[in-house]
Amino acid sequence: MIKGIVTGFLLATAILTGGFFLYFAAGMAPVATGDPPMPFEEKPANMALDAHIEKQRSLQPTRAR
């Protein structure tokens, strides 16, 4: 009985943490500058920005030397 409760709690925590991560990584978080910052917003926002910059960099053709 206790083992099932602990397993369920850990599974629910993992799902919520993953959902939080994907929410920011997919760019679904609000971006209005007038909004107050969300908790722990700086790291996920920078992660999404870095991913976007890297994606744009890979789309640009490189110059032949």
N, C-alpha and C. Protein backbone atom coordinates (compact mmCIF):
# COMPACT_ATOMS: atom_id res chain seq x y z
N MET A 1 0.83 -1.19 0.00
CA MET A 1 0.00 0.00 0.00
C MET A 1 0.88 1.26 0.00
N ILE A 2 1.80 1.36 0.93
CA ILE A 2 2.68 2.53 1.02
C ILE A 2 3.56 2.62 -0.21
N LYS A 3 4.03 1.47 -0.69
CA LYS A 3 4.89 1.45 -1.87
C LYS A 3 4.16 2.06 -3.08
N GLY A 4 2.89 1.76 -3.24
CA GLY A 4 2.10 2.30 -4.33
C GLY A 4 1.89 3.81 -4.20
N ILE A 5 1.69 4.29 -3.00
CA ILE A 5 1.51 5.73 -2.77
C ILE A 5 2.80 6.48 -3.08
N VAL A 6 3.92 5.95 -2.61
CA VAL A 6 5.21 6.59 -2.87
C VAL A 6 5.51 6.59 -4.37
N THR A 7 5.26 5.47 -5.04
CA THR A 7 5.48 5.38 -6.48
C THR A 7 4.60 6.38 -7.22
N GLY A 8 3.35 6.49 -6.83
CA GLY A 8 2.44 7.45 -7.46
C GLY A 8 2.88 8.88 -7.23
N PHE A 9 3.33 9.19 -6.03
CA PHE A 9 3.81 10.53 -5.73
C PHE A 9 5.04 10.87 -6.58
N LEU A 10 5.99 9.95 -6.65
CA LEU A 10 7.19 10.19 -7.46
C LEU A 10 6.86 10.32 -8.94
N LEU A 11 5.96 9.50 -9.43
CA LEU A 11 5.55 9.58 -10.83
C LEU A 11 4.84 10.91 -11.13
N ALA A 12 3.97 11.34 -10.24
CA ALA A 12 3.27 12.62 -10.42
C ALA A 12 4.25 13.78 -10.39
N THR A 13 5.22 13.73 -9.50
CA THR A 13 6.24 14.79 -9.43
C THR A 13 7.05 14.84 -10.71
N ALA A 14 7.44 13.69 -11.23
CA ALA A 14 8.21 13.63 -12.48
C ALA A 14 7.40 14.18 -13.66
N ILE A 15 6.13 13.85 -13.73
CA ILE A 15 5.28 14.33 -14.82
C ILE A 15 5.10 15.85 -14.73
N LEU A 16 4.87 16.38 -13.54
CA LEU A 16 4.71 17.82 -13.39
C LEU A 16 5.99 18.57 -13.72
N THR A 17 7.13 18.03 -13.30
CA THR A 17 8.41 18.67 -13.61
C THR A 17 8.67 18.65 -15.11
N GLY A 18 8.40 17.53 -15.75
CA GLY A 18 8.56 17.43 -17.20
C GLY A 18 7.62 18.36 -17.94
N GLY A 19 6.40 18.48 -17.47
CA GLY A 19 5.44 19.39 -18.09
C GLY A 19 5.88 20.84 -17.97
N PHE A 20 6.40 21.21 -16.81
CA PHE A 20 6.92 22.55 -16.59
C PHE A 20 8.07 22.84 -17.56
N PHE A 21 8.98 21.89 -17.68
CA PHE A 21 10.12 22.02 -18.58
C PHE A 21 9.65 22.18 -20.04
N LEU A 22 8.74 21.33 -20.47
CA LEU A 22 8.25 21.39 -21.85
C LEU A 22 7.45 22.66 -22.13
N TYR A 23 6.75 23.17 -21.13
CA TYR A 23 5.98 24.41 -21.27
C TYR A 23 6.88 25.56 -21.68
N PHE A 24 8.04 25.67 -21.04
CA PHE A 24 8.98 26.73 -21.39
C PHE A 24 9.77 26.40 -22.64
N ALA A 25 10.19 25.16 -22.79
CA ALA A 25 11.01 24.77 -23.94
C ALA A 25 10.24 24.89 -25.25
N ALA A 26 8.93 24.70 -25.22
CA ALA A 26 8.12 24.80 -26.43
C ALA A 26 7.73 26.25 -26.73
N GLY A 27 8.05 27.18 -25.86
CA GLY A 27 7.75 28.59 -26.08
C GLY A 27 6.32 28.97 -25.81
N MET A 28 5.62 28.22 -24.97
CA MET A 28 4.22 28.52 -24.69
C MET A 28 4.05 29.49 -23.52
N ALA A 29 5.12 29.84 -22.85
CA ALA A 29 5.04 30.77 -21.72
C ALA A 29 4.76 32.18 -22.24
N PRO A 30 4.02 33.00 -21.49
CA PRO A 30 3.76 34.37 -21.93
C PRO A 30 5.05 35.18 -22.01
N VAL A 31 5.10 36.06 -22.99
CA VAL A 31 6.32 36.83 -23.20
C VAL A 31 6.11 38.33 -23.09
N ALA A 32 4.97 38.77 -22.62
CA ALA A 32 4.73 40.20 -22.49
C ALA A 32 5.70 40.78 -21.46
N THR A 33 6.30 41.90 -21.80
CA THR A 33 7.30 42.48 -20.91
C THR A 33 6.69 43.10 -19.66
N GLY A 34 5.40 43.40 -19.70
CA GLY A 34 4.75 43.99 -18.54
C GLY A 34 4.36 42.97 -17.49
N ASP A 35 4.40 41.69 -17.84
CA ASP A 35 4.04 40.64 -16.89
C ASP A 35 5.14 40.47 -15.85
N PRO A 36 4.77 40.13 -14.63
CA PRO A 36 5.82 39.83 -13.64
C PRO A 36 6.51 38.53 -14.01
N PRO A 37 7.79 38.39 -13.69
CA PRO A 37 8.50 37.16 -14.05
C PRO A 37 7.94 35.96 -13.30
N MET A 38 7.91 34.83 -13.99
CA MET A 38 7.44 33.60 -13.38
C MET A 38 8.57 33.02 -12.52
N PRO A 39 8.23 32.15 -11.57
CA PRO A 39 9.28 31.54 -10.76
C PRO A 39 10.26 30.76 -11.62
N PHE A 40 11.53 30.93 -11.36
CA PHE A 40 12.61 30.23 -12.08
C PHE A 40 12.54 30.49 -13.59
N GLU A 41 12.14 31.69 -13.99
CA GLU A 41 11.92 31.99 -15.40
C GLU A 41 13.23 32.18 -16.17
N GLU A 42 14.25 32.68 -15.54
CA GLU A 42 15.46 33.05 -16.27
C GLU A 42 16.11 31.85 -16.96
N LYS A 43 16.28 30.75 -16.28
CA LYS A 43 16.94 29.59 -16.87
C LYS A 43 16.13 29.00 -18.03
N PRO A 44 14.82 28.72 -17.87
CA PRO A 44 14.08 28.18 -19.01
C PRO A 44 14.00 29.16 -20.19
N ALA A 45 13.89 30.45 -19.90
CA ALA A 45 13.81 31.43 -20.98
C ALA A 45 15.12 31.47 -21.75
N ASN A 46 16.24 31.44 -21.04
CA ASN A 46 17.53 31.42 -21.73
C ASN A 46 17.72 30.13 -22.50
N MET A 47 17.21 29.02 -21.98
CA MET A 47 17.32 27.75 -22.67
C MET A 47 16.56 27.81 -24.00
N ALA A 48 15.34 28.38 -23.97
CA ALA A 48 14.56 28.49 -25.19
C ALA A 48 15.21 29.47 -26.17
N LEU A 49 15.75 30.56 -25.67
CA LEU A 49 16.42 31.53 -26.54
C LEU A 49 17.65 30.92 -27.19
N ASP A 50 18.44 30.20 -26.42
CA ASP A 50 19.63 29.56 -26.97
C ASP A 50 19.26 28.53 -28.04
N ALA A 51 18.19 27.77 -27.81
CA ALA A 51 17.75 26.78 -28.79
C ALA A 51 17.30 27.47 -30.08
N HIS A 52 16.60 28.59 -29.95
CA HIS A 52 16.14 29.32 -31.12
C HIS A 52 17.32 29.88 -31.92
N ILE A 53 18.29 30.45 -31.22
CA ILE A 53 19.47 31.00 -31.90
C ILE A 53 20.23 29.89 -32.62
N GLU A 54 20.40 28.77 -31.96
CA GLU A 54 21.12 27.64 -32.58
C GLU A 54 20.36 27.12 -33.81
N LYS A 55 19.05 27.10 -33.73
CA LYS A 55 18.24 26.66 -34.87
C LYS A 55 18.40 27.62 -36.04
N GLN A 56 18.40 28.92 -35.78
CA GLN A 56 18.58 29.91 -36.84
C GLN A 56 19.99 29.81 -37.42
N ARG A 57 20.97 29.55 -36.58
CA ARG A 57 22.35 29.44 -37.05
C ARG A 57 22.50 28.24 -37.98
N SER A 58 21.83 27.14 -37.69
CA SER A 58 21.96 25.96 -38.52
C SER A 58 21.22 26.12 -39.86
N LEU A 59 20.28 27.04 -39.94
CA LEU A 59 19.56 27.26 -41.20
C LEU A 59 20.33 28.15 -42.17
N GLN A 60 21.26 28.94 -41.68
CA GLN A 60 22.02 29.85 -42.55
C GLN A 60 23.11 29.08 -43.26
N PRO A 61 23.26 29.30 -44.57
CA PRO A 61 24.32 28.61 -45.29
C PRO A 61 25.68 29.17 -44.89
N THR A 62 26.68 28.30 -44.89
CA THR A 62 28.02 28.72 -44.56
C THR A 62 28.72 29.19 -45.83
N ARG A 63 29.65 30.08 -45.68
CA ARG A 63 30.39 30.62 -46.82
C ARG A 63 31.53 29.67 -47.19
N ALA A 64 31.73 29.49 -48.48
CA ALA A 64 32.86 28.69 -48.95
C ALA A 64 34.12 29.53 -48.91
N ARG A 65 35.22 28.95 -48.51
CA ARG A 65 36.47 29.70 -48.43
C ARG A 65 37.31 29.49 -49.63
